[in-house]
PDB file of N, CA and C in Angstrom:
ATOM      1  N   MET A   1       0.510  -1.453   0.061  1.00  0.00           N
ATOM      2  CA  MET A   1      -0.084   0.247   0.164  1.00  0.00           C
ATOM      3  C   MET A   1       0.376   1.275  -0.087  1.00  0.00           C
ATOM      4  N   ASN A   2       0.356   2.110  -0.671  1.00  0.00           N
ATOM      5  CA  ASN A   2       1.197   3.495  -1.168  1.00  0.00           C
ATOM      6  C   ASN A   2       1.226   4.585  -0.335  1.00  0.00           C
ATOM      7  N   ARG A   3       1.354   5.302   0.727  1.00  0.00           N
ATOM      8  CA  ARG A   3       1.473   6.523   0.983  1.00  0.00           C
ATOM      9  C   ARG A   3       2.184   7.233   0.823  1.00  0.00           C
ATOM     10  N   LEU A   4       1.291   8.489   0.913  1.00  0.00           N
ATOM     11  CA  LEU A   4       1.806  10.340   0.651  1.00  0.00           C
ATOM     12  C   LEU A   4       2.679  10.715   1.907  1.00  0.00           C
ATOM     13  N   CYS A   5       3.662  10.860   1.913  1.00  0.00           N
ATOM     14  CA  CYS A   5       4.524  11.979   2.257  1.00  0.00           C
ATOM     15  C   CYS A   5       4.698  13.768   3.103  1.00  0.00           C
ATOM     16  N   PHE A   6       4.153  14.286   3.723  1.00  0.00           N
ATOM     17  CA  PHE A   6       3.799  15.585   3.894  1.00  0.00           C
ATOM     18  C   PHE A   6       5.061  16.222   3.318  1.00  0.00           C
ATOM     19  N   LYS A   7       5.685  16.145   3.398  1.00  0.00           N
ATOM     20  CA  LYS A   7       7.192  17.043   3.209  1.00  0.00           C
ATOM     21  C   LYS A   7       6.860  17.175   1.635  1.00  0.00           C
ATOM     22  N   PRO A   8       7.384  15.974   0.479  1.00  0.00           N
ATOM     23  CA  PRO A   8       7.325  16.376  -1.032  1.00  0.00           C
ATOM     24  C   PRO A   8       5.849  16.325  -1.698  1.00  0.00           C
ATOM     25  N   VAL A   9       5.190  15.865  -0.490  1.00  0.00           N
ATOM     26  CA  VAL A   9       3.025  16.741  -1.675  1.00  0.00           C
ATOM     27  C   VAL A   9       3.394  18.029  -1.065  1.00  0.00           C
ATOM     28  N   ALA A  10       4.183  18.859   0.029  1.00  0.00           N
ATOM     29  CA  ALA A  10       4.091  20.576  -0.095  1.00  0.00           C
ATOM     30  C   ALA A  10       4.760  20.362  -0.758  1.00  0.00           C
ATOM     31  N   ALA A  11       5.928  20.936  -0.728  1.00  0.00           N
ATOM     32  CA  ALA A  11       7.140  20.865  -1.604  1.00  0.00           C
ATOM     33  C   ALA A  11       6.567  20.416  -2.915  1.00  0.00           C
ATOM     34  N   SER A  12       6.170  19.810  -3.469  1.00  0.00           N
ATOM     35  CA  SER A  12       5.515  19.864  -5.083  1.00  0.00           C
ATOM     36  C   SER A  12       4.714  20.440  -5.205  1.00  0.00           C
ATOM     37  N   LEU A  13       3.029  21.339  -4.483  1.00  0.00           N
ATOM     38  CA  LEU A  13       1.972  21.430  -4.640  1.00  0.00           C
ATOM     39  C   LEU A  13       2.564  23.158  -4.378  1.00  0.00           C
ATOM     40  N   SER A  14       3.615  23.896  -3.418  1.00  0.00           N
ATOM     41  CA  SER A  14       3.860  24.802  -3.559  1.00  0.00           C
ATOM     42  C   SER A  14       4.456  25.886  -4.452  1.00  0.00           C
ATOM     43  N   THR A  15       5.716  24.903  -4.904  1.00  0.00           N
ATOM     44  CA  THR A  15       6.508  24.945  -6.178  1.00  0.00           C
ATOM     45  C   THR A  15       5.860  24.682  -7.562  1.00  0.00           C
ATOM     46  N   PHE A  16       4.623  23.832  -7.622  1.00  0.00           N
ATOM     47  CA  PHE A  16       3.218  24.506  -8.269  1.00  0.00           C
ATOM     48  C   PHE A  16       2.410  25.188  -8.626  1.00  0.00           C
ATOM     49  N   LEU A  17       1.846  25.796  -7.736  1.00  0.00           N
ATOM     50  CA  LEU A  17       1.622  26.438  -8.008  1.00  0.00           C
ATOM     51  C   LEU A  17       2.446  28.246  -7.341  1.00  0.00           C
ATOM     52  N   ALA A  18       3.225  28.717  -6.901  1.00  0.00           N
ATOM     53  CA  ALA A  18       4.018  29.098  -6.837  1.00  0.00           C
ATOM     54  C   ALA A  18       4.563  29.864  -8.601  1.00  0.00           C
ATOM     55  N   THR A  19       4.639  29.007  -8.873  1.00  0.00           N
ATOM     56  CA  THR A  19       5.050  28.846 -10.500  1.00  0.00           C
ATOM     57  C   THR A  19       3.912  29.952 -11.580  1.00  0.00           C
ATOM     58  N   THR A  20       2.510  29.058 -10.963  1.00  0.00           N
ATOM     59  CA  THR A  20       2.290  29.306 -11.066  1.00  0.00           C
ATOM     60  C   THR A  20       1.504  30.776 -11.087  1.00  0.00           C
ATOM     61  N   TYR A  21       1.930  30.818 -10.606  1.00  0.00           N
ATOM     62  CA  TYR A  21       1.120  32.749  -9.700  1.00  0.00           C
ATOM     63  C   TYR A  21       2.596  33.468 -10.916  1.00  0.00           C
ATOM     64  N   VAL A  22       3.483  33.211 -10.959  1.00  0.00           N
ATOM     65  CA  VAL A  22       4.609  33.819 -11.402  1.00  0.00           C
ATOM     66  C   VAL A  22       4.176  33.934 -13.072  1.00  0.00           C
ATOM     67  N   LEU A  23       4.041  32.299 -14.267  1.00  0.00           N
ATOM     68  CA  LEU A  23       3.864  32.523 -14.528  1.00  0.00           C
ATOM     69  C   LEU A  23       2.866  33.788 -15.075  1.00  0.00           C
ATOM     70  N   CYS A  24       2.272  33.707 -14.505  1.00  0.00           N
ATOM     71  CA  CYS A  24       0.006  34.809 -14.476  1.00  0.00           C
ATOM     72  C   CYS A  24       0.772  35.793 -14.679  1.00  0.00           C
ATOM     73  N   VAL A  25       1.260  36.168 -13.084  1.00  0.00           N
ATOM     74  CA  VAL A  25       1.512  38.369 -13.421  1.00  0.00           C
ATOM     75  C   VAL A  25       2.195  37.541 -15.008  1.00  0.00           C
ATOM     76  N   VAL A  26       3.612  37.167 -15.092  1.00  0.00           N
ATOM     77  CA  VAL A  26       4.368  37.199 -15.444  1.00  0.00           C
ATOM     78  C   VAL A  26       3.005  38.267 -16.586  1.00  0.00           C
ATOM     79  N   TYR A  27       2.164  37.146 -17.572  1.00  0.00           N
ATOM     80  CA  TYR A  27       1.452  37.017 -18.469  1.00  0.00           C
ATOM     81  C   TYR A  27       0.220  38.827 -18.283  1.00  0.00           C
ATOM     82  N   GLY A  28       0.135  38.608 -17.035  1.00  0.00           N
ATOM     83  CA  GLY A  28      -0.640  40.190 -16.709  1.00  0.00           C
ATOM     84  C   GLY A  28       0.458  41.404 -16.914  1.00  0.00           C
ATOM     85  N   LEU A  29       1.569  41.273 -16.953  1.00  0.00           N
ATOM     86  CA  LEU A  29       1.841  42.305 -17.495  1.00  0.00           C
ATOM     87  C   LEU A  29       2.986  42.089 -18.640  1.00  0.00           C
ATOM     88  N   ILE A  30       2.505  41.647 -19.669  1.00  0.00           N
ATOM     89  CA  ILE A  30       2.108  41.429 -21.052  1.00  0.00           C
ATOM     90  C   ILE A  30       0.873  41.572 -21.335  1.00  0.00           C
ATOM     91  N   PHE A  31       0.096  41.116 -21.522  1.00  0.00           N
ATOM     92  CA  PHE A  31      -0.829  41.103 -21.370  1.00  0.00           C
ATOM     93  C   PHE A  31      -1.964  41.894 -20.999  1.00  0.00           C
ATOM     94  N   HIS A  32      -2.039  43.207 -21.001  1.00  0.00           N
ATOM     95  CA  HIS A  32      -2.529  43.389 -18.988  1.00  0.00           C
ATOM     96  C   HIS A  32      -3.895  43.895 -19.508  1.00  0.00           C
ATOM     97  N   GLU A  33      -4.249  43.717 -20.966  1.00  0.00           N
ATOM     98  CA  GLU A  33      -6.349  43.452 -21.037  1.00  0.00           C
ATOM     99  C   GLU A  33      -6.675  42.013 -20.413  1.00  0.00           C
ATOM    100  N   TYR A  34      -5.663  40.867 -20.924  1.00  0.00           N
ATOM    101  CA  TYR A  34      -6.250  39.638 -20.149  1.00  0.00           C
ATOM    102  C   TYR A  34      -5.613  39.229 -19.336  1.00  0.00           C
ATOM    103  N   ALA A  35      -5.605  40.707 -18.074  1.00  0.00           N
ATOM    104  CA  ALA A  35      -4.449  39.640 -16.842  1.00  0.00           C
ATOM    105  C   ALA A  35      -5.505  39.692 -16.043  1.00  0.00           C
ATOM    106  N   MET A  36      -5.344  38.706 -14.850  1.00  0.00           N
ATOM    107  CA  MET A  36      -6.193  38.145 -13.322  1.00  0.00           C
ATOM    108  C   MET A  36      -6.042  38.561 -12.580  1.00  0.00           C
ATOM    109  N   HIS A  37      -5.741  40.611 -12.883  1.00  0.00           N
ATOM    110  CA  HIS A  37      -4.920  41.048 -10.685  1.00  0.00           C
ATOM    111  C   HIS A  37      -6.033  41.122 -10.597  1.00  0.00           C
ATOM    112  N   LYS A  38      -7.288  40.998 -10.968  1.00  0.00           N
ATOM    113  CA  LYS A  38      -8.177  41.014 -10.417  1.00  0.00           C
ATOM    114  C   LYS A  38      -8.955  39.670  -9.676  1.00  0.00           C
ATOM    115  N   VAL A  39      -8.629  39.472 -10.037  1.00  0.00           N
ATOM    116  CA  VAL A  39      -8.758  37.264  -9.415  1.00  0.00           C
ATOM    117  C   VAL A  39      -7.812  37.063  -8.017  1.00  0.00           C
ATOM    118  N   TRP A  40      -6.123  37.265  -8.875  1.00  0.00           N
ATOM    119  CA  TRP A  40      -5.515  37.550  -7.603  1.00  0.00           C
ATOM    120  C   TRP A  40      -6.489  38.432  -6.103  1.00  0.00           C
ATOM    121  N   GLU A  41      -6.207  39.266  -6.364  1.00  0.00           N
ATOM    122  CA  GLU A  41      -6.996  40.420  -5.415  1.00  0.00           C
ATOM    123  C   GLU A  41      -7.776  40.414  -4.515  1.00  0.00           C
ATOM    124  N   ILE A  42      -8.445  39.028  -4.668  1.00  0.00           N
ATOM    125  CA  ILE A  42     -10.140  38.416  -3.921  1.00  0.00           C
ATOM    126  C   ILE A  42      -9.117  37.536  -3.441  1.00  0.00           C
ATOM    127  N   LEU A  43      -8.627  36.931  -4.424  1.00  0.00           N
ATOM    128  CA  LEU A  43      -7.920  35.287  -3.631  1.00  0.00           C
ATOM    129  C   LEU A  43      -6.434  35.314  -3.151  1.00  0.00           C
ATOM    130  N   LEU A  44      -5.591  35.920  -2.968  1.00  0.00           N
ATOM    131  CA  LEU A  44      -4.341  36.645  -1.942  1.00  0.00           C
ATOM    132  C   LEU A  44      -4.834  37.870  -1.173  1.00  0.00           C
ATOM    133  N   PRO A  45      -4.972  37.779  -0.224  1.00  0.00           N
ATOM    134  CA  PRO A  45      -5.401  39.099   0.649  1.00  0.00           C
ATOM    135  C   PRO A  45      -4.025  39.977   1.306  1.00  0.00           C
ATOM    136  N   GLY A  46      -3.829  41.316   0.918  1.00  0.00           N
ATOM    137  CA  GLY A  46      -2.433  42.140   0.433  1.00  0.00           C
ATOM    138  C   GLY A  46      -2.421  42.186  -1.045  1.00  0.00           C
ATOM    139  N   PHE A  47      -2.634  41.131  -2.307  1.00  0.00           N
ATOM    140  CA  PHE A  47      -2.288  41.640  -2.840  1.00  0.00           C
ATOM    141  C   PHE A  47      -2.667  42.788  -4.078  1.00  0.00           C
ATOM    142  N   SER A  48      -2.254  44.083  -4.433  1.00  0.00           N
ATOM    143  CA  SER A  48      -2.962  44.442  -5.520  1.00  0.00           C
ATOM    144  C   SER A  48      -1.650  44.375  -6.541  1.00  0.00           C
ATOM    145  N   TRP A  49      -2.214  45.163  -7.167  1.00  0.00           N
ATOM    146  CA  TRP A  49      -1.676  45.373  -9.333  1.00  0.00           C
ATOM    147  C   TRP A  49      -1.086  46.245  -9.051  1.00  0.00           C
ATOM    148  N   LEU A  50       0.153  46.640  -9.267  1.00  0.00           N
ATOM    149  CA  LEU A  50       1.842  45.232  -8.663  1.00  0.00           C
ATOM    150  C   LEU A  50       2.378  46.022  -8.726  1.00  0.00           C
ATOM    151  N   THR A  51       2.967  45.823  -7.148  1.00  0.00           N
ATOM    152  CA  THR A  51       4.861  46.663  -6.865  1.00  0.00           C
ATOM    153  C   THR A  51       5.288  44.960  -6.481  1.00  0.00           C
ATOM    154  N   TRP A  52       6.537  45.697  -5.903  1.00  0.00           N
ATOM    155  CA  TRP A  52       7.256  44.049  -5.662  1.00  0.00           C
ATOM    156  C   TRP A  52       7.034  44.528  -4.480  1.00  0.00           C
ATOM    157  N   THR A  53       6.182  44.162  -3.400  1.00  0.00           N
ATOM    158  CA  THR A  53       5.915  44.350  -2.114  1.00  0.00           C
ATOM    159  C   THR A  53       4.264  42.695  -2.841  1.00  0.00           C
ATOM    160  N   THR A  54       3.505  43.900  -3.289  1.00  0.00           N
ATOM    161  CA  THR A  54       2.098  42.748  -3.278  1.00  0.00           C
ATOM    162  C   THR A  54       2.931  41.732  -3.882  1.00  0.00           C
ATOM    163  N   PHE A  55       4.061  41.891  -4.634  1.00  0.00           N
ATOM    164  CA  PHE A  55       3.918  40.571  -6.104  1.00  0.00           C
ATOM    165  C   PHE A  55       4.511  39.909  -4.478  1.00  0.00           C
ATOM    166  N   PHE A  56       5.886  40.004  -3.426  1.00  0.00           N
ATOM    167  CA  PHE A  56       6.259  38.980  -2.579  1.00  0.00           C
ATOM    168  C   PHE A  56       5.831  38.364  -1.801  1.00  0.00           C
ATOM    169  N   VAL A  57       4.374  39.388  -1.348  1.00  0.00           N
ATOM    170  CA  VAL A  57       3.313  39.035  -0.599  1.00  0.00           C
ATOM    171  C   VAL A  57       1.741  37.632  -0.763  1.00  0.00           C
ATOM    172  N   GLY A  58       2.096  38.031  -2.316  1.00  0.00           N
ATOM    173  CA  GLY A  58       0.882  37.087  -3.346  1.00  0.00           C
ATOM    174  C   GLY A  58       2.238  35.623  -3.703  1.00  0.00           C
ATOM    175  N   LEU A  59       2.864  35.674  -4.002  1.00  0.00           N
ATOM    176  CA  LEU A  59       3.920  34.089  -3.487  1.00  0.00           C
ATOM    177  C   LEU A  59       4.172  33.363  -2.946  1.00  0.00           C
ATOM    178  N   ILE A  60       4.500  34.050  -1.200  1.00  0.00           N
ATOM    179  CA  ILE A  60       4.129  33.786  -0.103  1.00  0.00           C
ATOM    180  C   ILE A  60       3.169  32.852   0.422  1.00  0.00           C
ATOM    181  N   GLU A  61       1.763  33.915  -0.291  1.00  0.00           N
ATOM    182  CA  GLU A  61       0.539  33.377  -0.193  1.00  0.00           C
ATOM    183  C   GLU A  61       0.482  31.705  -0.726  1.00  0.00           C
ATOM    184  N   THR A  62       0.958  32.303  -1.979  1.00  0.00           N
ATOM    185  CA  THR A  62       0.196  30.590  -2.674  1.00  0.00           C
ATOM    186  C   THR A  62       1.073  29.631  -2.161  1.00  0.00           C
ATOM    187  N   ILE A  63       2.497  29.704  -1.779  1.00  0.00           N
ATOM    188  CA  ILE A  63       3.087  28.640  -1.050  1.00  0.00           C
ATOM    189  C   ILE A  63       2.441  27.572  -0.052  1.00  0.00           C
ATOM    190  N   LEU A  64       2.061  28.908   0.935  1.00  0.00           N
ATOM    191  CA  LEU A  64       0.868  28.610   2.123  1.00  0.00           C
ATOM    192  C   LEU A  64      -0.044  27.939   1.497  1.00  0.00           C
ATOM    193  N   TYR A  65      -0.376  28.552   0.166  1.00  0.00           N
ATOM    194  CA  TYR A  65      -1.508  28.045  -0.183  1.00  0.00           C
ATOM    195  C   TYR A  65      -1.201  25.832   0.267  1.00  0.00           C
ATOM    196  N   GLY A  66      -0.778  26.002  -0.752  1.00  0.00           N
ATOM    197  CA  GLY A  66      -0.052  24.523  -1.395  1.00  0.00           C
ATOM    198  C   GLY A  66       0.827  23.814  -0.093  1.00  0.00           C
ATOM    199  N   ILE A  67       0.888  23.935   1.135  1.00  0.00           N
ATOM    200  CA  ILE A  67       1.228  24.013   2.450  1.00  0.00           C
ATOM    201  C   ILE A  67      -0.304  23.088   3.084  1.00  0.00           C
ATOM    202  N   TYR A  68      -0.740  24.355   2.543  1.00  0.00           N
ATOM    203  CA  TYR A  68      -2.467  24.186   3.212  1.00  0.00           C
ATOM    204  C   TYR A  68      -3.619  22.981   2.699  1.00  0.00           C
ATOM    205  N   VAL A  69      -3.173  22.967   1.316  1.00  0.00           N
ATOM    206  CA  VAL A  69      -3.576  21.773   0.622  1.00  0.00           C
ATOM    207  C   VAL A  69      -2.906  20.108   1.247  1.00  0.00           C
ATOM    208  N   ALA A  70      -1.456  20.075   1.113  1.00  0.00           N
ATOM    209  CA  ALA A  70      -1.128  19.733   1.572  1.00  0.00           C
ATOM    210  C   ALA A  70      -1.973  19.161   2.891  1.00  0.00           C
ATOM    211  N   LEU A  71      -1.532  19.936   3.338  1.00  0.00           N
ATOM    212  CA  LEU A  71      -2.255  19.672   5.172  1.00  0.00           C
ATOM    213  C   LEU A  71      -2.765  18.890   5.101  1.00  0.00           C
ATOM    214  N   VAL A  72      -4.173  19.112   4.405  1.00  0.00           N
ATOM    215  CA  VAL A  72      -5.313  18.328   4.284  1.00  0.00           C
ATOM    216  C   VAL A  72      -5.166  17.410   3.326  1.00  0.00           C
ATOM    217  N   PHE A  73      -4.503  16.874   3.087  1.00  0.00           N
ATOM    218  CA  PHE A  73      -5.086  16.748   1.126  1.00  0.00           C
ATOM    219  C   PHE A  73      -4.051  14.851   1.935  1.00  0.00           C
ATOM    220  N   VAL A  74      -2.922  14.775   2.590  1.00  0.00           N
ATOM    221  CA  VAL A  74      -1.981  13.717   2.433  1.00  0.00           C
ATOM    222  C   VAL A  74      -2.659  13.165   3.734  1.00  0.00           C
ATOM    223  N   PRO A  75      -3.615  13.440   4.447  1.00  0.00           N
ATOM    224  CA  PRO A  75      -3.892  12.463   5.872  1.00  0.00           C
ATOM    225  C   PRO A  75      -5.511  12.163   5.409  1.00  0.00           C
ATOM    226  N   LEU A  76      -5.869  12.340   4.850  1.00  0.00           N
ATOM    227  CA  LEU A  76      -6.867  12.404   3.926  1.00  0.00           C
ATOM    228  C   LEU A  76      -6.874  10.467   2.388  1.00  0.00           C
ATOM    229  N   TYR A  77      -6.019  10.823   2.160  1.00  0.00           N
ATOM    230  CA  TYR A  77      -5.964   9.773   1.204  1.00  0.00           C
ATOM    231  C   TYR A  77      -4.538   8.819   2.264  1.00  0.00           C
ATOM    232  N   ASN A  78      -4.238   9.523   2.383  1.00  0.00           N
ATOM    233  CA  ASN A  78      -3.483   7.491   3.098  1.00  0.00           C
ATOM    234  C   ASN A  78      -4.754   7.485   3.623  1.00  0.00           C
ATOM    235  N   PHE A  79      -5.302   8.163   4.807  1.00  0.00           N
ATOM    236  CA  PHE A  79      -7.164   8.025   5.192  1.00  0.00           C
ATOM    237  C   PHE A  79      -7.569   6.274   4.534  1.00  0.00           C
ATOM    238  N   PHE A  80      -7.791   6.871   3.122  1.00  0.00           N
ATOM    239  CA  PHE A  80      -8.883   6.291   1.983  1.00  0.00           C
ATOM    240  C   PHE A  80      -8.144   5.245   1.410  1.00  0.00           C
ATOM    241  N   ASN A  81      -7.314   5.719   1.124  1.00  0.00           N
ATOM    242  CA  ASN A  81      -5.942   4.601   1.054  1.00  0.00           C
ATOM    243  C   ASN A  81      -5.190   3.280   1.998  1.00  0.00           C
ATOM    244  N   ARG A  82      -5.712   3.550   2.908  1.00  0.00           N
ATOM    245  CA  ARG A  82      -5.774   1.894   4.163  1.00  0.00           C
ATOM    246  C   ARG A  82      -7.064   2.184   4.295  1.00  0.00           C
ATOM    247  N   LYS A  83      -8.262   2.249   4.240  1.00  0.00           N
ATOM    248  CA  LYS A  83      -9.115   2.100   4.632  1.00  0.00           C
ATOM    249  C   LYS A  83      -9.817   1.073   2.953  1.00  0.00           C
ATOM    250  N   ILE A  84     -10.244   1.798   2.185  1.00  0.00           N
ATOM    251  CA  ILE A  84     -10.278   0.985   0.418  1.00  0.00           C
ATOM    252  C   ILE A  84      -9.421  -0.082  -0.278  1.00  0.00           C
ATOM    253  N   GLY A  85      -7.582   0.340   0.499  1.00  0.00           N
ATOM    254  CA  GLY A  85      -7.037  -0.271  -0.223  1.00  0.00           C
ATOM    255  C   GLY A  85      -6.920  -0.869  -1.631  1.00  0.00           C
ATOM    256  N   TYR A  86      -8.056   0.392  -2.421  1.00  0.00           N
ATOM    257  CA  TYR A  86      -7.620   0.135  -3.946  1.00  0.00           C
ATOM    258  C   TYR A  86      -6.105  -0.105  -4.710  1.00  0.00           C
ATOM    259  N   ASP A  87      -6.077  -0.905  -5.248  1.00  0.00           N
ATOM    260  CA  ASP A  87      -3.930  -0.930  -6.729  1.00  0.00           C
ATOM    261  C   ASP A  87      -4.299   0.120  -7.472  1.00  0.00           C
ATOM    262  N   CYS A  88      -4.121   0.427  -8.076  1.00  0.00           N
ATOM    263  CA  CYS A  88      -4.433   0.804  -9.074  1.00  0.00           C
ATOM    264  C   CYS A  88      -3.602   0.664 -10.028  1.00  0.00           C
ATOM    265  N   SER A  89      -2.132  -0.487  -9.757  1.00  0.00           N
ATOM    266  CA  SER A  89      -2.047  -0.972 -11.040  1.00  0.00           C
ATOM    267  C   SER A  89      -2.673  -2.604 -11.425  1.00  0.00           C
ATOM    268  N   GLU A  90      -3.785  -2.905 -10.681  1.00  0.00           N
ATOM    269  CA  GLU A  90      -4.522  -4.035 -10.991  1.00  0.00           C
ATOM    270  C   GLU A  90      -5.522  -3.544 -12.645  1.00  0.00           C
TER     271      GLU A  90
END
């Protein structure tokens, strides 16, 4: 039975979300009329378009969101994997 470990999942999710955030900000700087800055302002408290300070606030918050998701997801996955015990290789 495969179990998930918190640290690799948290690192993977945080890196994925931080990379996505940076790419979205770069996209917003290039194509300002299609930018998602209004969505970022709703999802990331303290973020506003765009200063270095708020950019780093958003980056830190996306990393923390990744850690939060891992904190919730890993125990749930391990619990259900232990209870159901489904083998995906079959």
